[in-house]
Amino acid sequence: FTHRDHISTIRRTVNTIWNHWLPASG
């Protein structure tokens, strides 16, 4: 996953990976 947004949004990126993408990905 590439994070290109402001550093203040890193928690949102990590949360999306672990709590949304990973469970939905199979």
mmCIF file of all heavy atoms, coordinates in Angstrom:
data_MODEL
# 
_entry.id   MODEL 
# 
loop_
_atom_site.group_PDB 
_atom_site.id 
_atom_site.type_symbol 
_atom_site.label_atom_id 
_atom_site.label_alt_id 
_atom_site.label_comp_id 
_atom_site.label_asym_id 
_atom_site.label_entity_id 
_atom_site.label_seq_id 
_atom_site.pdbx_PDB_ins_code 
_atom_site.Cartn_x 
_atom_site.Cartn_y 
_atom_site.Cartn_z 
_atom_site.occupancy 
_atom_site.B_iso_or_equiv 
_atom_site.pdbx_formal_charge 
_atom_site.auth_seq_id 
_atom_site.auth_comp_id 
_atom_site.auth_asym_id 
_atom_site.auth_atom_id 
_atom_site.pdbx_PDB_model_num 
ATOM 1   N N   . PHE A 1 1  ? 0.842   -1.184  0.000  1.00 0.00 ? 1  PHE A N   1 
ATOM 2   C CA  . PHE A 1 1  ? 0.000   0.000   0.000  1.00 0.00 ? 1  PHE A CA  1 
ATOM 3   C C   . PHE A 1 1  ? 0.883   1.241   0.000  1.00 0.00 ? 1  PHE A C   1 
ATOM 4   O O   . PHE A 1 1  ? 1.825   1.321   0.779  1.00 0.00 ? 1  PHE A O   1 
ATOM 5   C CB  . PHE A 1 1  ? -0.898  0.026   1.251  1.00 0.00 ? 1  PHE A CB  1 
ATOM 6   C CG  . PHE A 1 1  ? -1.721  -1.215  1.391  1.00 0.00 ? 1  PHE A CG  1 
ATOM 7   C CD1 . PHE A 1 1  ? -1.221  -2.319  2.056  1.00 0.00 ? 1  PHE A CD1 1 
ATOM 8   C CD2 . PHE A 1 1  ? -2.989  -1.277  0.832  1.00 0.00 ? 1  PHE A CD2 1 
ATOM 9   C CE1 . PHE A 1 1  ? -1.972  -3.479  2.180  1.00 0.00 ? 1  PHE A CE1 1 
ATOM 10  C CE2 . PHE A 1 1  ? -3.744  -2.434  0.950  1.00 0.00 ? 1  PHE A CE2 1 
ATOM 11  C CZ  . PHE A 1 1  ? -3.247  -3.534  1.621  1.00 0.00 ? 1  PHE A CZ  1 
ATOM 12  N N   . THR A 1 2  ? 0.568   2.194   -0.859 1.00 0.00 ? 2  THR A N   1 
ATOM 13  C CA  . THR A 1 2  ? 1.322   3.438   -0.913 1.00 0.00 ? 2  THR A CA  1 
ATOM 14  C C   . THR A 1 2  ? 0.548   4.529   -0.193 1.00 0.00 ? 2  THR A C   1 
ATOM 15  O O   . THR A 1 2  ? -0.635  4.740   -0.461 1.00 0.00 ? 2  THR A O   1 
ATOM 16  C CB  . THR A 1 2  ? 1.579   3.862   -2.370 1.00 0.00 ? 2  THR A CB  1 
ATOM 17  O OG1 . THR A 1 2  ? 2.285   2.810   -3.026 1.00 0.00 ? 2  THR A OG1 1 
ATOM 18  C CG2 . THR A 1 2  ? 2.398   5.135   -2.437 1.00 0.00 ? 2  THR A CG2 1 
ATOM 19  N N   . HIS A 1 3  ? 1.224   5.196   0.740  1.00 0.00 ? 3  HIS A N   1 
ATOM 20  C CA  . HIS A 1 3  ? 0.624   6.326   1.459  1.00 0.00 ? 3  HIS A CA  1 
ATOM 21  C C   . HIS A 1 3  ? 1.215   7.609   0.881  1.00 0.00 ? 3  HIS A C   1 
ATOM 22  O O   . HIS A 1 3  ? 2.402   7.851   1.006  1.00 0.00 ? 3  HIS A O   1 
ATOM 23  C CB  . HIS A 1 3  ? 0.916   6.226   2.954  1.00 0.00 ? 3  HIS A CB  1 
ATOM 24  C CG  . HIS A 1 3  ? 0.321   7.360   3.728  1.00 0.00 ? 3  HIS A CG  1 
ATOM 25  N ND1 . HIS A 1 3  ? -1.008  7.374   4.088  1.00 0.00 ? 3  HIS A ND1 1 
ATOM 26  C CD2 . HIS A 1 3  ? 0.845   8.514   4.166  1.00 0.00 ? 3  HIS A CD2 1 
ATOM 27  C CE1 . HIS A 1 3  ? -1.263  8.488   4.740  1.00 0.00 ? 3  HIS A CE1 1 
ATOM 28  N NE2 . HIS A 1 3  ? -0.155  9.206   4.793  1.00 0.00 ? 3  HIS A NE2 1 
ATOM 29  N N   . ARG A 1 4  ? 0.378   8.415   0.246  1.00 0.00 ? 4  ARG A N   1 
ATOM 30  C CA  . ARG A 1 4  ? 0.856   9.658   -0.375 1.00 0.00 ? 4  ARG A CA  1 
ATOM 31  C C   . ARG A 1 4  ? 0.246   10.906  0.266  1.00 0.00 ? 4  ARG A C   1 
ATOM 32  O O   . ARG A 1 4  ? 0.582   12.015  -0.119 1.00 0.00 ? 4  ARG A O   1 
ATOM 33  C CB  . ARG A 1 4  ? 0.528   9.646   -1.863 1.00 0.00 ? 4  ARG A CB  1 
ATOM 34  C CG  . ARG A 1 4  ? 1.342   8.654   -2.632 1.00 0.00 ? 4  ARG A CG  1 
ATOM 35  C CD  . ARG A 1 4  ? 1.193   8.876   -4.135 1.00 0.00 ? 4  ARG A CD  1 
ATOM 36  N NE  . ARG A 1 4  ? 2.002   7.936   -4.871 1.00 0.00 ? 4  ARG A NE  1 
ATOM 37  C CZ  . ARG A 1 4  ? 1.552   6.811   -5.411 1.00 0.00 ? 4  ARG A CZ  1 
ATOM 38  N NH1 . ARG A 1 4  ? 0.285   6.498   -5.292 1.00 0.00 ? 4  ARG A NH1 1 
ATOM 39  N NH2 . ARG A 1 4  ? 2.353   6.004   -6.058 1.00 0.00 ? 4  ARG A NH2 1 
ATOM 40  N N   . ASP A 1 5  ? -0.646  10.715  1.190  1.00 0.00 ? 5  ASP A N   1 
ATOM 41  C CA  . ASP A 1 5  ? -1.328  11.858  1.797  1.00 0.00 ? 5  ASP A CA  1 
ATOM 42  C C   . ASP A 1 5  ? -0.478  12.482  2.898  1.00 0.00 ? 5  ASP A C   1 
ATOM 43  O O   . ASP A 1 5  ? 0.600   12.002  3.229  1.00 0.00 ? 5  ASP A O   1 
ATOM 44  C CB  . ASP A 1 5  ? -2.667  11.415  2.380  1.00 0.00 ? 5  ASP A CB  1 
ATOM 45  C CG  . ASP A 1 5  ? -3.659  11.004  1.308  1.00 0.00 ? 5  ASP A CG  1 
ATOM 46  O OD1 . ASP A 1 5  ? -3.541  11.507  0.174  1.00 0.00 ? 5  ASP A OD1 1 
ATOM 47  O OD2 . ASP A 1 5  ? -4.531  10.170  1.596  1.00 0.00 ? 5  ASP A OD2 1 
ATOM 48  N N   . HIS A 1 6  ? -1.023  13.523  3.480  1.00 0.00 ? 6  HIS A N   1 
ATOM 49  C CA  . HIS A 1 6  ? -0.369  14.201  4.596  1.00 0.00 ? 6  HIS A CA  1 
ATOM 50  C C   . HIS A 1 6  ? -0.091  13.190  5.707  1.00 0.00 ? 6  HIS A C   1 
ATOM 51  O O   . HIS A 1 6  ? -0.894  12.282  5.950  1.00 0.00 ? 6  HIS A O   1 
ATOM 52  C CB  . HIS A 1 6  ? -1.280  15.328  5.098  1.00 0.00 ? 6  HIS A CB  1 
ATOM 53  C CG  . HIS A 1 6  ? -0.630  16.239  6.061  1.00 0.00 ? 6  HIS A CG  1 
ATOM 54  N ND1 . HIS A 1 6  ? -0.563  15.964  7.403  1.00 0.00 ? 6  HIS A ND1 1 
ATOM 55  C CD2 . HIS A 1 6  ? 0.000   17.422  5.879  1.00 0.00 ? 6  HIS A CD2 1 
ATOM 56  C CE1 . HIS A 1 6  ? 0.067   16.934  8.020  1.00 0.00 ? 6  HIS A CE1 1 
ATOM 57  N NE2 . HIS A 1 6  ? 0.421   17.837  7.120  1.00 0.00 ? 6  HIS A NE2 1 
ATOM 58  N N   . ILE A 1 7  ? 1.027   13.348  6.385  1.00 0.00 ? 7  ILE A N   1 
ATOM 59  C CA  . ILE A 1 7  ? 1.432   12.409  7.439  1.00 0.00 ? 7  ILE A CA  1 
ATOM 60  C C   . ILE A 1 7  ? 0.367   12.291  8.532  1.00 0.00 ? 7  ILE A C   1 
ATOM 61  O O   . ILE A 1 7  ? 0.232   11.241  9.163  1.00 0.00 ? 7  ILE A O   1 
ATOM 62  C CB  . ILE A 1 7  ? 2.805   12.815  8.031  1.00 0.00 ? 7  ILE A CB  1 
ATOM 63  C CG1 . ILE A 1 7  ? 3.352   11.729  8.950  1.00 0.00 ? 7  ILE A CG1 1 
ATOM 64  C CG2 . ILE A 1 7  ? 2.720   14.146  8.758  1.00 0.00 ? 7  ILE A CG2 1 
ATOM 65  C CD1 . ILE A 1 7  ? 3.642   10.427  8.278  1.00 0.00 ? 7  ILE A CD1 1 
ATOM 66  N N   . SER A 1 8  ? -0.408  13.317  8.736  1.00 0.00 ? 8  SER A N   1 
ATOM 67  C CA  . SER A 1 8  ? -1.439  13.275  9.777  1.00 0.00 ? 8  SER A CA  1 
ATOM 68  C C   . SER A 1 8  ? -2.518  12.235  9.483  1.00 0.00 ? 8  SER A C   1 
ATOM 69  O O   . SER A 1 8  ? -3.288  11.877  10.369 1.00 0.00 ? 8  SER A O   1 
ATOM 70  C CB  . SER A 1 8  ? -2.078  14.655  9.952  1.00 0.00 ? 8  SER A CB  1 
ATOM 71  O OG  . SER A 1 8  ? -2.785  15.011  8.779  1.00 0.00 ? 8  SER A OG  1 
ATOM 72  N N   . THR A 1 9  ? -2.582  11.725  8.252  1.00 0.00 ? 9  THR A N   1 
ATOM 73  C CA  . THR A 1 9  ? -3.611  10.741  7.897  1.00 0.00 ? 9  THR A CA  1 
ATOM 74  C C   . THR A 1 9  ? -3.101  9.307   7.923  1.00 0.00 ? 9  THR A C   1 
ATOM 75  O O   . THR A 1 9  ? -3.822  8.390   7.529  1.00 0.00 ? 9  THR A O   1 
ATOM 76  C CB  . THR A 1 9  ? -4.189  11.037  6.499  1.00 0.00 ? 9  THR A CB  1 
ATOM 77  O OG1 . THR A 1 9  ? -3.167  10.849  5.511  1.00 0.00 ? 9  THR A OG1 1 
ATOM 78  C CG2 . THR A 1 9  ? -4.758  12.448  6.418  1.00 0.00 ? 9  THR A CG2 1 
ATOM 79  N N   . ILE A 1 10 ? -1.895  9.077   8.429  1.00 0.00 ? 10 ILE A N   1 
ATOM 80  C CA  . ILE A 1 10 ? -1.334  7.719   8.416  1.00 0.00 ? 10 ILE A CA  1 
ATOM 81  C C   . ILE A 1 10 ? -2.183  6.751   9.236  1.00 0.00 ? 10 ILE A C   1 
ATOM 82  O O   . ILE A 1 10 ? -2.356  5.597   8.862  1.00 0.00 ? 10 ILE A O   1 
ATOM 83  C CB  . ILE A 1 10 ? 0.145   7.696   8.858  1.00 0.00 ? 10 ILE A CB  1 
ATOM 84  C CG1 . ILE A 1 10 ? 0.764   6.324   8.617  1.00 0.00 ? 10 ILE A CG1 1 
ATOM 85  C CG2 . ILE A 1 10 ? 0.305   8.129   10.306 1.00 0.00 ? 10 ILE A CG2 1 
ATOM 86  C CD1 . ILE A 1 10 ? 0.811   5.884   7.180  1.00 0.00 ? 10 ILE A CD1 1 
ATOM 87  N N   . ARG A 1 11 ? -2.741  7.199   10.347 1.00 0.00 ? 11 ARG A N   1 
ATOM 88  C CA  . ARG A 1 11 ? -3.600  6.309   11.149 1.00 0.00 ? 11 ARG A CA  1 
ATOM 89  C C   . ARG A 1 11 ? -4.793  5.821   10.331 1.00 0.00 ? 11 ARG A C   1 
ATOM 90  O O   . ARG A 1 11 ? -5.198  4.678   10.436 1.00 0.00 ? 11 ARG A O   1 
ATOM 91  C CB  . ARG A 1 11 ? -4.107  7.012   12.402 1.00 0.00 ? 11 ARG A CB  1 
ATOM 92  C CG  . ARG A 1 11 ? -3.116  7.058   13.512 1.00 0.00 ? 11 ARG A CG  1 
ATOM 93  C CD  . ARG A 1 11 ? -3.779  7.694   14.732 1.00 0.00 ? 11 ARG A CD  1 
ATOM 94  N NE  . ARG A 1 11 ? -2.802  7.920   15.746 1.00 0.00 ? 11 ARG A NE  1 
ATOM 95  C CZ  . ARG A 1 11 ? -2.760  7.246   16.880 1.00 0.00 ? 11 ARG A CZ  1 
ATOM 96  N NH1 . ARG A 1 11 ? -3.665  6.329   17.126 1.00 0.00 ? 11 ARG A NH1 1 
ATOM 97  N NH2 . ARG A 1 11 ? -1.822  7.496   17.765 1.00 0.00 ? 11 ARG A NH2 1 
ATOM 98  N N   . ARG A 1 12 ? -5.360  6.698   9.529  1.00 0.00 ? 12 ARG A N   1 
ATOM 99  C CA  . ARG A 1 12 ? -6.495  6.321   8.690  1.00 0.00 ? 12 ARG A CA  1 
ATOM 100 C C   . ARG A 1 12 ? -6.069  5.256   7.678  1.00 0.00 ? 12 ARG A C   1 
ATOM 101 O O   . ARG A 1 12 ? -6.787  4.282   7.448  1.00 0.00 ? 12 ARG A O   1 
ATOM 102 C CB  . ARG A 1 12 ? -7.076  7.543   7.990  1.00 0.00 ? 12 ARG A CB  1 
ATOM 103 C CG  . ARG A 1 12 ? -8.307  7.209   7.165  1.00 0.00 ? 12 ARG A CG  1 
ATOM 104 C CD  . ARG A 1 12 ? -8.932  8.425   6.555  1.00 0.00 ? 12 ARG A CD  1 
ATOM 105 N NE  . ARG A 1 12 ? -7.964  9.103   5.709  1.00 0.00 ? 12 ARG A NE  1 
ATOM 106 C CZ  . ARG A 1 12 ? -8.025  10.380  5.373  1.00 0.00 ? 12 ARG A CZ  1 
ATOM 107 N NH1 . ARG A 1 12 ? -9.003  11.131  5.828  1.00 0.00 ? 12 ARG A NH1 1 
ATOM 108 N NH2 . ARG A 1 12 ? -7.124  10.912  4.597  1.00 0.00 ? 12 ARG A NH2 1 
ATOM 109 N N   . THR A 1 13 ? -4.901  5.439   7.079  1.00 0.00 ? 13 THR A N   1 
ATOM 110 C CA  . THR A 1 13 ? -4.399  4.457   6.116  1.00 0.00 ? 13 THR A CA  1 
ATOM 111 C C   . THR A 1 13 ? -4.190  3.107   6.775  1.00 0.00 ? 13 THR A C   1 
ATOM 112 O O   . THR A 1 13 ? -4.641  2.075   6.271  1.00 0.00 ? 13 THR A O   1 
ATOM 113 C CB  . THR A 1 13 ? -3.085  4.944   5.479  1.00 0.00 ? 13 THR A CB  1 
ATOM 114 O OG1 . THR A 1 13 ? -3.349  6.163   4.774  1.00 0.00 ? 13 THR A OG1 1 
ATOM 115 C CG2 . THR A 1 13 ? -2.504  3.921   4.536  1.00 0.00 ? 13 THR A CG2 1 
ATOM 116 N N   . VAL A 1 14 ? -3.516  3.085   7.906  1.00 0.00 ? 14 VAL A N   1 
ATOM 117 C CA  . VAL A 1 14 ? -3.255  1.826   8.615  1.00 0.00 ? 14 VAL A CA  1 
ATOM 118 C C   . VAL A 1 14 ? -4.566  1.180   9.059  1.00 0.00 ? 14 VAL A C   1 
ATOM 119 O O   . VAL A 1 14 ? -4.753  -0.033  8.916  1.00 0.00 ? 14 VAL A O   1 
ATOM 120 C CB  . VAL A 1 14 ? -2.299  2.064   9.805  1.00 0.00 ? 14 VAL A CB  1 
ATOM 121 C CG1 . VAL A 1 14 ? -2.190  0.836   10.681 1.00 0.00 ? 14 VAL A CG1 1 
ATOM 122 C CG2 . VAL A 1 14 ? -0.923  2.489   9.287  1.00 0.00 ? 14 VAL A CG2 1 
ATOM 123 N N   . ASN A 1 15 ? -5.491  1.966   9.593  1.00 0.00 ? 15 ASN A N   1 
ATOM 124 C CA  . ASN A 1 15 ? -6.792  1.445   9.996  1.00 0.00 ? 15 ASN A CA  1 
ATOM 125 C C   . ASN A 1 15 ? -7.527  0.835   8.807  1.00 0.00 ? 15 ASN A C   1 
ATOM 126 O O   . ASN A 1 15 ? -8.123  -0.241  8.917  1.00 0.00 ? 15 ASN A O   1 
ATOM 127 C CB  . ASN A 1 15 ? -7.632  2.561   10.622 1.00 0.00 ? 15 ASN A CB  1 
ATOM 128 C CG  . ASN A 1 15 ? -8.994  2.074   11.038 1.00 0.00 ? 15 ASN A CG  1 
ATOM 129 O OD1 . ASN A 1 15 ? -9.121  1.157   11.843 1.00 0.00 ? 15 ASN A OD1 1 
ATOM 130 N ND2 . ASN A 1 15 ? -10.030 2.677   10.472 1.00 0.00 ? 15 ASN A ND2 1 
ATOM 131 N N   . THR A 1 16 ? -7.489  1.496   7.670  1.00 0.00 ? 16 THR A N   1 
ATOM 132 C CA  . THR A 1 16 ? -8.162  0.984   6.464  1.00 0.00 ? 16 THR A CA  1 
ATOM 133 C C   . THR A 1 16 ? -7.557  -0.342  6.030  1.00 0.00 ? 16 THR A C   1 
ATOM 134 O O   . THR A 1 16 ? -8.280  -1.282  5.675  1.00 0.00 ? 16 THR A O   1 
ATOM 135 C CB  . THR A 1 16 ? -8.087  2.023   5.328  1.00 0.00 ? 16 THR A CB  1 
ATOM 136 O OG1 . THR A 1 16 ? -8.760  3.213   5.757  1.00 0.00 ? 16 THR A OG1 1 
ATOM 137 C CG2 . THR A 1 16 ? -8.738  1.501   4.066  1.00 0.00 ? 16 THR A CG2 1 
ATOM 138 N N   . ILE A 1 17 ? -6.238  -0.437  6.063  1.00 0.00 ? 17 ILE A N   1 
ATOM 139 C CA  . ILE A 1 17 ? -5.572  -1.685  5.670  1.00 0.00 ? 17 ILE A CA  1 
ATOM 140 C C   . ILE A 1 17 ? -6.019  -2.828  6.573  1.00 0.00 ? 17 ILE A C   1 
ATOM 141 O O   . ILE A 1 17 ? -6.488  -3.867  6.102  1.00 0.00 ? 17 ILE A O   1 
ATOM 142 C CB  . ILE A 1 17 ? -4.039  -1.530  5.724  1.00 0.00 ? 17 ILE A CB  1 
ATOM 143 C CG1 . ILE A 1 17 ? -3.551  -0.558  4.648  1.00 0.00 ? 17 ILE A CG1 1 
ATOM 144 C CG2 . ILE A 1 17 ? -3.360  -2.902  5.584  1.00 0.00 ? 17 ILE A CG2 1 
ATOM 145 C CD1 . ILE A 1 17 ? -2.100  -0.119  4.822  1.00 0.00 ? 17 ILE A CD1 1 
ATOM 146 N N   . TRP A 1 18 ? -5.849  -2.661  7.881  1.00 0.00 ? 18 TRP A N   1 
ATOM 147 C CA  . TRP A 1 18 ? -6.063  -3.763  8.826  1.00 0.00 ? 18 TRP A CA  1 
ATOM 148 C C   . TRP A 1 18 ? -7.526  -4.055  9.115  1.00 0.00 ? 18 TRP A C   1 
ATOM 149 O O   . TRP A 1 18 ? -7.900  -5.214  9.309  1.00 0.00 ? 18 TRP A O   1 
ATOM 150 C CB  . TRP A 1 18 ? -5.324  -3.488  10.131 1.00 0.00 ? 18 TRP A CB  1 
ATOM 151 C CG  . TRP A 1 18 ? -3.851  -3.635  9.966  1.00 0.00 ? 18 TRP A CG  1 
ATOM 152 C CD1 . TRP A 1 18 ? -2.947  -2.638  9.762  1.00 0.00 ? 18 TRP A CD1 1 
ATOM 153 C CD2 . TRP A 1 18 ? -3.112  -4.855  9.949  1.00 0.00 ? 18 TRP A CD2 1 
ATOM 154 N NE1 . TRP A 1 18 ? -1.690  -3.172  9.620  1.00 0.00 ? 18 TRP A NE1 1 
ATOM 155 C CE2 . TRP A 1 18 ? -1.757  -4.530  9.734  1.00 0.00 ? 18 TRP A CE2 1 
ATOM 156 C CE3 . TRP A 1 18 ? -3.456  -6.197  10.086 1.00 0.00 ? 18 TRP A CE3 1 
ATOM 157 C CZ2 . TRP A 1 18 ? -0.761  -5.489  9.659  1.00 0.00 ? 18 TRP A CZ2 1 
ATOM 158 C CZ3 . TRP A 1 18 ? -2.449  -7.162  10.013 1.00 0.00 ? 18 TRP A CZ3 1 
ATOM 159 C CH2 . TRP A 1 18 ? -1.127  -6.795  9.806  1.00 0.00 ? 18 TRP A CH2 1 
ATOM 160 N N   . ASN A 1 19 ? -8.370  -3.026  9.153  1.00 0.00 ? 19 ASN A N   1 
ATOM 161 C CA  . ASN A 1 19 ? -9.760  -3.226  9.565  1.00 0.00 ? 19 ASN A CA  1 
ATOM 162 C C   . ASN A 1 19 ? -10.765 -3.298  8.425  1.00 0.00 ? 19 ASN A C   1 
ATOM 163 O O   . ASN A 1 19 ? -11.913 -3.675  8.646  1.00 0.00 ? 19 ASN A O   1 
ATOM 164 C CB  . ASN A 1 19 ? -10.172 -2.131  10.549 1.00 0.00 ? 19 ASN A CB  1 
ATOM 165 C CG  . ASN A 1 19 ? -9.366  -2.201  11.825 1.00 0.00 ? 19 ASN A CG  1 
ATOM 166 O OD1 . ASN A 1 19 ? -9.153  -3.282  12.375 1.00 0.00 ? 19 ASN A OD1 1 
ATOM 167 N ND2 . ASN A 1 19 ? -8.881  -1.076  12.278 1.00 0.00 ? 19 ASN A ND2 1 
ATOM 168 N N   . HIS A 1 20 ? -10.346 -2.911  7.222  1.00 0.00 ? 20 HIS A N   1 
ATOM 169 C CA  . HIS A 1 20 ? -11.274 -2.945  6.094  1.00 0.00 ? 20 HIS A CA  1 
ATOM 170 C C   . HIS A 1 20 ? -10.734 -3.793  4.944  1.00 0.00 ? 20 HIS A C   1 
ATOM 171 O O   . HIS A 1 20 ? -11.382 -4.742  4.526  1.00 0.00 ? 20 HIS A O   1 
ATOM 172 C CB  . HIS A 1 20 ? -11.608 -1.520  5.626  1.00 0.00 ? 20 HIS A CB  1 
ATOM 173 C CG  . HIS A 1 20 ? -12.252 -0.702  6.696  1.00 0.00 ? 20 HIS A CG  1 
ATOM 174 N ND1 . HIS A 1 20 ? -13.575 -0.821  7.032  1.00 0.00 ? 20 HIS A ND1 1 
ATOM 175 C CD2 . HIS A 1 20 ? -11.738 0.228   7.529  1.00 0.00 ? 20 HIS A CD2 1 
ATOM 176 C CE1 . HIS A 1 20 ? -13.862 0.000   8.029  1.00 0.00 ? 20 HIS A CE1 1 
ATOM 177 N NE2 . HIS A 1 20 ? -12.757 0.648   8.353  1.00 0.00 ? 20 HIS A NE2 1 
ATOM 178 N N   . TRP A 1 21 ? -9.558  -3.404  4.418  1.00 0.00 ? 21 TRP A N   1 
ATOM 179 C CA  . TRP A 1 21 ? -9.042  -4.130  3.256  1.00 0.00 ? 21 TRP A CA  1 
ATOM 180 C C   . TRP A 1 21 ? -8.751  -5.589  3.584  1.00 0.00 ? 21 TRP A C   1 
ATOM 181 O O   . TRP A 1 21 ? -9.219  -6.483  2.872  1.00 0.00 ? 21 TRP A O   1 
ATOM 182 C CB  . TRP A 1 21 ? -7.771  -3.477  2.698  1.00 0.00 ? 21 TRP A CB  1 
ATOM 183 C CG  . TRP A 1 21 ? -7.304  -4.212  1.485  1.00 0.00 ? 21 TRP A CG  1 
ATOM 184 C CD1 . TRP A 1 21 ? -7.726  -4.006  0.206  1.00 0.00 ? 21 TRP A CD1 1 
ATOM 185 C CD2 . TRP A 1 21 ? -6.405  -5.330  1.444  1.00 0.00 ? 21 TRP A CD2 1 
ATOM 186 N NE1 . TRP A 1 21 ? -7.129  -4.914  -0.636 1.00 0.00 ? 21 TRP A NE1 1 
ATOM 187 C CE2 . TRP A 1 21 ? -6.309  -5.744  0.105  1.00 0.00 ? 21 TRP A CE2 1 
ATOM 188 C CE3 . TRP A 1 21 ? -5.668  -6.015  2.400  1.00 0.00 ? 21 TRP A CE3 1 
ATOM 189 C CZ2 . TRP A 1 21 ? -5.521  -6.807  -0.309 1.00 0.00 ? 21 TRP A CZ2 1 
ATOM 190 C CZ3 . TRP A 1 21 ? -4.870  -7.084  1.995  1.00 0.00 ? 21 TRP A CZ3 1 
ATOM 191 C CH2 . TRP A 1 21 ? -4.806  -7.461  0.663  1.00 0.00 ? 21 TRP A CH2 1 
ATOM 192 N N   . LEU A 1 22 ? -8.003  -5.851  4.641  1.00 0.00 ? 22 LEU A N   1 
ATOM 193 C CA  . LEU A 1 22 ? -7.608  -7.229  4.953  1.00 0.00 ? 22 LEU A CA  1 
ATOM 194 C C   . LEU A 1 22 ? -8.813  -8.137  5.191  1.00 0.00 ? 22 LEU A C   1 
ATOM 195 O O   . LEU A 1 22 ? -8.906  -9.189  4.555  1.00 0.00 ? 22 LEU A O   1 
ATOM 196 C CB  . LEU A 1 22 ? -6.636  -7.259  6.135  1.00 0.00 ? 22 LEU A CB  1 
ATOM 197 C CG  . LEU A 1 22 ? -5.913  -8.573  6.370  1.00 0.00 ? 22 LEU A CG  1 
ATOM 198 C CD1 . LEU A 1 22 ? -5.066  -8.978  5.167  1.00 0.00 ? 22 LEU A CD1 1 
ATOM 199 C CD2 . LEU A 1 22 ? -5.022  -8.477  7.600  1.00 0.00 ? 22 LEU A CD2 1 
ATOM 200 N N   . PRO A 1 23 ? -9.776  -7.772  6.029  1.00 0.00 ? 23 PRO A N   1 
ATOM 201 C CA  . PRO A 1 23 ? -10.931 -8.660  6.209  1.00 0.00 ? 23 PRO A CA  1 
ATOM 202 C C   . PRO A 1 23 ? -11.745 -8.877  4.932  1.00 0.00 ? 23 PRO A C   1 
ATOM 203 O O   . PRO A 1 23 ? -12.285 -9.957  4.709  1.00 0.00 ? 23 PRO A O   1 
ATOM 204 C CB  . PRO A 1 23 ? -11.778 -7.944  7.267  1.00 0.00 ? 23 PRO A CB  1 
ATOM 205 C CG  . PRO A 1 23 ? -10.841 -7.049  7.985  1.00 0.00 ? 23 PRO A CG  1 
ATOM 206 C CD  . PRO A 1 23 ? -9.817  -6.633  6.958  1.00 0.00 ? 23 PRO A CD  1 
ATOM 207 N N   . ALA A 1 24 ? -11.830 -7.875  4.073  1.00 0.00 ? 24 ALA A N   1 
ATOM 208 C CA  . ALA A 1 24 ? -12.622 -7.989  2.848  1.00 0.00 ? 24 ALA A CA  1 
ATOM 209 C C   . ALA A 1 24 ? -11.870 -8.672  1.710  1.00 0.00 ? 24 ALA A C   1 
ATOM 210 O O   . ALA A 1 24 ? -12.479 -9.107  0.739  1.00 0.00 ? 24 ALA A O   1 
ATOM 211 C CB  . ALA A 1 24 ? -13.069 -6.601  2.394  1.00 0.00 ? 24 ALA A CB  1 
ATOM 212 N N   . SER A 1 25 ? -10.554 -8.798  1.829  1.00 0.00 ? 25 SER A N   1 
ATOM 213 C CA  . SER A 1 25 ? -9.736  -9.271  0.720  1.00 0.00 ? 25 SER A CA  1 
ATOM 214 C C   . SER A 1 25 ? -9.731  -10.786 0.527  1.00 0.00 ? 25 SER A C   1 
ATOM 215 O O   . SER A 1 25 ? -9.394  -11.266 -0.546 1.00 0.00 ? 25 SER A O   1 
ATOM 216 C CB  . SER A 1 25 ? -8.286  -8.818  0.926  1.00 0.00 ? 25 SER A CB  1 
ATOM 217 O OG  . SER A 1 25 ? -7.690  -9.543  2.006  1.00 0.00 ? 25 SER A OG  1 
ATOM 218 N N   . GLY A 1 26 ? -10.052 -11.517 1.592  1.00 0.00 ? 26 GLY A N   1 
ATOM 219 C CA  . GLY A 1 26 ? -9.924  -12.969 1.520  1.00 0.00 ? 26 GLY A CA  1 
ATOM 220 C C   . GLY A 1 26 ? -8.538  -13.442 1.935  1.00 0.00 ? 26 GLY A C   1 
ATOM 221 O O   . GLY A 1 26 ? -8.287  -14.636 2.013  1.00 0.00 ? 26 GLY A O   1 
# 
